[in-house]
Amino acid sequence: MTEEFSKENAQQIAVEFMSQKKNTEKIDIATTEQDHEDWVIRGTCPINVEGHPWAEEFEVVIDTKGR
């Protein structure tokens, strides 16, 4: 793993990805773990189900190339 690709880089990529995917700016990261050379980021983002707000859980896996 290169030093340039840090935990913070992985979190930023996950937040940007989920913000675009769910069309929201409110992304809460719960955990960030390194699994071999991949980063696994878990958290929640708000969704609206028939007028009721809910927190949807997500998991994003990012490899050493930032994908």
N, C-alpha and C. Protein backbone atom coordinates (compact mmCIF):
# COMPACT_ATOMS: atom_id res chain seq x y z
N MET A 1 0.86 -1.18 0.00
CA MET A 1 0.00 0.00 0.00
C MET A 1 0.89 1.22 0.00
N THR A 2 0.61 2.14 -0.87
CA THR A 2 1.42 3.35 -0.93
C THR A 2 1.00 4.32 0.16
N GLU A 3 1.94 5.14 0.58
CA GLU A 3 1.64 6.11 1.62
C GLU A 3 0.66 7.16 1.14
N GLU A 4 0.67 7.45 -0.19
CA GLU A 4 -0.22 8.46 -0.73
C GLU A 4 -1.69 8.06 -0.59
N PHE A 5 -1.94 6.75 -0.59
CA PHE A 5 -3.32 6.28 -0.50
C PHE A 5 -3.62 5.90 0.94
N SER A 6 -4.09 6.86 1.69
CA SER A 6 -4.29 6.70 3.12
C SER A 6 -5.75 6.41 3.45
N LYS A 7 -5.99 6.22 4.72
CA LYS A 7 -7.34 6.03 5.24
C LYS A 7 -8.22 7.23 4.87
N GLU A 8 -7.66 8.42 5.01
CA GLU A 8 -8.41 9.64 4.70
C GLU A 8 -8.77 9.71 3.22
N ASN A 9 -7.83 9.30 2.34
CA ASN A 9 -8.12 9.26 0.90
C ASN A 9 -9.28 8.31 0.61
N ALA A 10 -9.24 7.14 1.21
CA ALA A 10 -10.29 6.15 1.01
C ALA A 10 -11.64 6.67 1.48
N GLN A 11 -11.66 7.33 2.63
CA GLN A 11 -12.91 7.89 3.14
C GLN A 11 -13.45 8.97 2.21
N GLN A 12 -12.58 9.81 1.70
CA GLN A 12 -13.00 10.88 0.80
C GLN A 12 -13.60 10.31 -0.48
N ILE A 13 -12.98 9.27 -1.03
CA ILE A 13 -13.51 8.63 -2.23
C ILE A 13 -14.88 8.02 -1.95
N ALA A 14 -15.03 7.36 -0.81
CA ALA A 14 -16.31 6.74 -0.45
C ALA A 14 -17.40 7.80 -0.29
N VAL A 15 -17.09 8.91 0.38
CA VAL A 15 -18.08 9.98 0.58
C VAL A 15 -18.49 10.57 -0.76
N GLU A 16 -17.53 10.85 -1.64
CA GLU A 16 -17.86 11.40 -2.95
C GLU A 16 -18.72 10.43 -3.76
N PHE A 17 -18.37 9.14 -3.73
CA PHE A 17 -19.13 8.13 -4.46
C PHE A 17 -20.57 8.05 -3.95
N MET A 18 -20.73 7.96 -2.63
CA MET A 18 -22.08 7.83 -2.07
C MET A 18 -22.88 9.12 -2.24
N SER A 19 -22.24 10.26 -2.18
CA SER A 19 -22.93 11.54 -2.39
C SER A 19 -23.53 11.60 -3.78
N GLN A 20 -22.76 11.16 -4.78
CA GLN A 20 -23.26 11.15 -6.15
C GLN A 20 -24.32 10.09 -6.35
N LYS A 21 -24.09 8.90 -5.80
CA LYS A 21 -25.02 7.78 -5.99
C LYS A 21 -26.38 8.05 -5.35
N LYS A 22 -26.38 8.61 -4.15
CA LYS A 22 -27.63 8.82 -3.41
C LYS A 22 -28.13 10.25 -3.48
N ASN A 23 -27.40 11.13 -4.20
CA ASN A 23 -27.79 12.52 -4.35
C ASN A 23 -28.03 13.20 -3.00
N THR A 24 -27.06 13.07 -2.10
CA THR A 24 -27.14 13.68 -0.78
C THR A 24 -25.75 14.13 -0.36
N GLU A 25 -25.71 15.12 0.51
CA GLU A 25 -24.43 15.58 1.04
C GLU A 25 -24.19 15.06 2.45
N LYS A 26 -25.19 14.38 3.02
CA LYS A 26 -25.10 13.88 4.39
C LYS A 26 -24.67 12.41 4.37
N ILE A 27 -23.38 12.17 4.52
CA ILE A 27 -22.83 10.81 4.54
C ILE A 27 -22.09 10.65 5.86
N ASP A 28 -22.49 9.66 6.65
CA ASP A 28 -21.84 9.40 7.93
C ASP A 28 -21.02 8.12 7.84
N ILE A 29 -19.73 8.24 8.08
CA ILE A 29 -18.85 7.06 8.07
C ILE A 29 -18.79 6.49 9.47
N ALA A 30 -19.07 5.20 9.59
CA ALA A 30 -19.04 4.52 10.89
C ALA A 30 -17.69 3.85 11.12
N THR A 31 -17.21 3.10 10.12
CA THR A 31 -15.93 2.40 10.27
C THR A 31 -15.14 2.45 8.97
N THR A 32 -13.83 2.42 9.12
CA THR A 32 -12.92 2.31 7.98
C THR A 32 -11.86 1.29 8.38
N GLU A 33 -11.83 0.19 7.64
CA GLU A 33 -10.90 -0.89 7.96
C GLU A 33 -10.08 -1.24 6.73
N GLN A 34 -8.87 -1.70 6.97
CA GLN A 34 -8.03 -2.17 5.88
C GLN A 34 -8.11 -3.68 5.85
N ASP A 35 -8.47 -4.22 4.67
CA ASP A 35 -8.57 -5.66 4.46
C ASP A 35 -7.56 -6.03 3.38
N HIS A 36 -6.44 -6.57 3.78
CA HIS A 36 -5.30 -6.82 2.89
C HIS A 36 -4.88 -5.47 2.30
N GLU A 37 -5.05 -5.29 1.01
CA GLU A 37 -4.67 -4.00 0.41
C GLU A 37 -5.87 -3.14 0.08
N ASP A 38 -7.06 -3.58 0.39
CA ASP A 38 -8.28 -2.81 0.13
C ASP A 38 -8.72 -2.08 1.39
N TRP A 39 -9.45 -0.99 1.20
CA TRP A 39 -10.10 -0.28 2.30
C TRP A 39 -11.59 -0.59 2.25
N VAL A 40 -12.18 -0.87 3.40
CA VAL A 40 -13.61 -1.14 3.50
C VAL A 40 -14.21 -0.03 4.38
N ILE A 41 -15.09 0.77 3.78
CA ILE A 41 -15.71 1.89 4.47
C ILE A 41 -17.19 1.58 4.63
N ARG A 42 -17.67 1.66 5.87
CA ARG A 42 -19.09 1.41 6.16
C ARG A 42 -19.67 2.65 6.83
N GLY A 43 -20.94 2.88 6.55
CA GLY A 43 -21.61 4.02 7.16
C GLY A 43 -23.07 4.07 6.80
N THR A 44 -23.65 5.26 6.96
CA THR A 44 -25.07 5.45 6.65
C THR A 44 -25.26 6.74 5.87
N CYS A 45 -26.36 6.78 5.14
CA CYS A 45 -26.79 7.99 4.46
C CYS A 45 -28.32 8.05 4.55
N PRO A 46 -28.88 9.25 4.58
CA PRO A 46 -30.33 9.36 4.73
C PRO A 46 -31.06 9.03 3.42
N ILE A 47 -32.21 8.39 3.57
CA ILE A 47 -33.11 8.18 2.43
C ILE A 47 -34.52 8.55 2.88
N ASN A 48 -35.38 8.80 1.93
CA ASN A 48 -36.75 9.17 2.23
C ASN A 48 -37.66 8.07 1.69
N VAL A 49 -38.36 7.39 2.59
CA VAL A 49 -39.26 6.31 2.20
C VAL A 49 -40.69 6.78 2.49
N GLU A 50 -41.39 7.10 1.41
CA GLU A 50 -42.78 7.54 1.50
C GLU A 50 -42.96 8.66 2.53
N GLY A 51 -42.04 9.63 2.51
CA GLY A 51 -42.14 10.78 3.40
C GLY A 51 -41.52 10.59 4.76
N HIS A 52 -40.95 9.43 5.02
CA HIS A 52 -40.32 9.16 6.31
C HIS A 52 -38.81 9.02 6.14
N PRO A 53 -38.03 9.78 6.91
CA PRO A 53 -36.57 9.68 6.80
C PRO A 53 -36.03 8.41 7.46
N TRP A 54 -35.12 7.75 6.79
CA TRP A 54 -34.46 6.55 7.31
C TRP A 54 -32.98 6.66 7.04
N ALA A 55 -32.20 5.91 7.77
CA ALA A 55 -30.76 5.83 7.52
C ALA A 55 -30.47 4.52 6.80
N GLU A 56 -29.94 4.63 5.61
CA GLU A 56 -29.58 3.45 4.83
C GLU A 56 -28.11 3.14 5.05
N GLU A 57 -27.80 1.89 5.35
CA GLU A 57 -26.41 1.48 5.55
C GLU A 57 -25.75 1.22 4.21
N PHE A 58 -24.44 1.49 4.14
CA PHE A 58 -23.69 1.21 2.92
C PHE A 58 -22.32 0.64 3.27
N GLU A 59 -21.73 -0.02 2.28
CA GLU A 59 -20.36 -0.52 2.38
C GLU A 59 -19.69 -0.27 1.04
N VAL A 60 -18.55 0.40 1.08
CA VAL A 60 -17.78 0.69 -0.13
C VAL A 60 -16.39 0.06 0.04
N VAL A 61 -15.95 -0.70 -0.96
CA VAL A 61 -14.63 -1.30 -0.94
C VAL A 61 -13.79 -0.58 -2.00
N ILE A 62 -12.62 -0.08 -1.57
CA ILE A 62 -11.75 0.67 -2.46
C ILE A 62 -10.40 -0.02 -2.54
N ASP A 63 -9.95 -0.27 -3.76
CA ASP A 63 -8.66 -0.94 -3.93
C ASP A 63 -7.52 0.07 -3.92
N THR A 64 -6.31 -0.41 -4.10
CA THR A 64 -5.13 0.44 -4.01
C THR A 64 -5.05 1.48 -5.12
N LYS A 65 -5.85 1.30 -6.17
CA LYS A 65 -5.88 2.27 -7.27
C LYS A 65 -6.99 3.30 -7.07
N GLY A 66 -7.71 3.22 -5.94
CA GLY A 66 -8.76 4.17 -5.65
C GLY A 66 -10.07 3.89 -6.36
N ARG A 67 -10.28 2.61 -6.74
CA ARG A 67 -11.53 2.23 -7.42
C ARG A 67 -12.36 1.35 -6.52
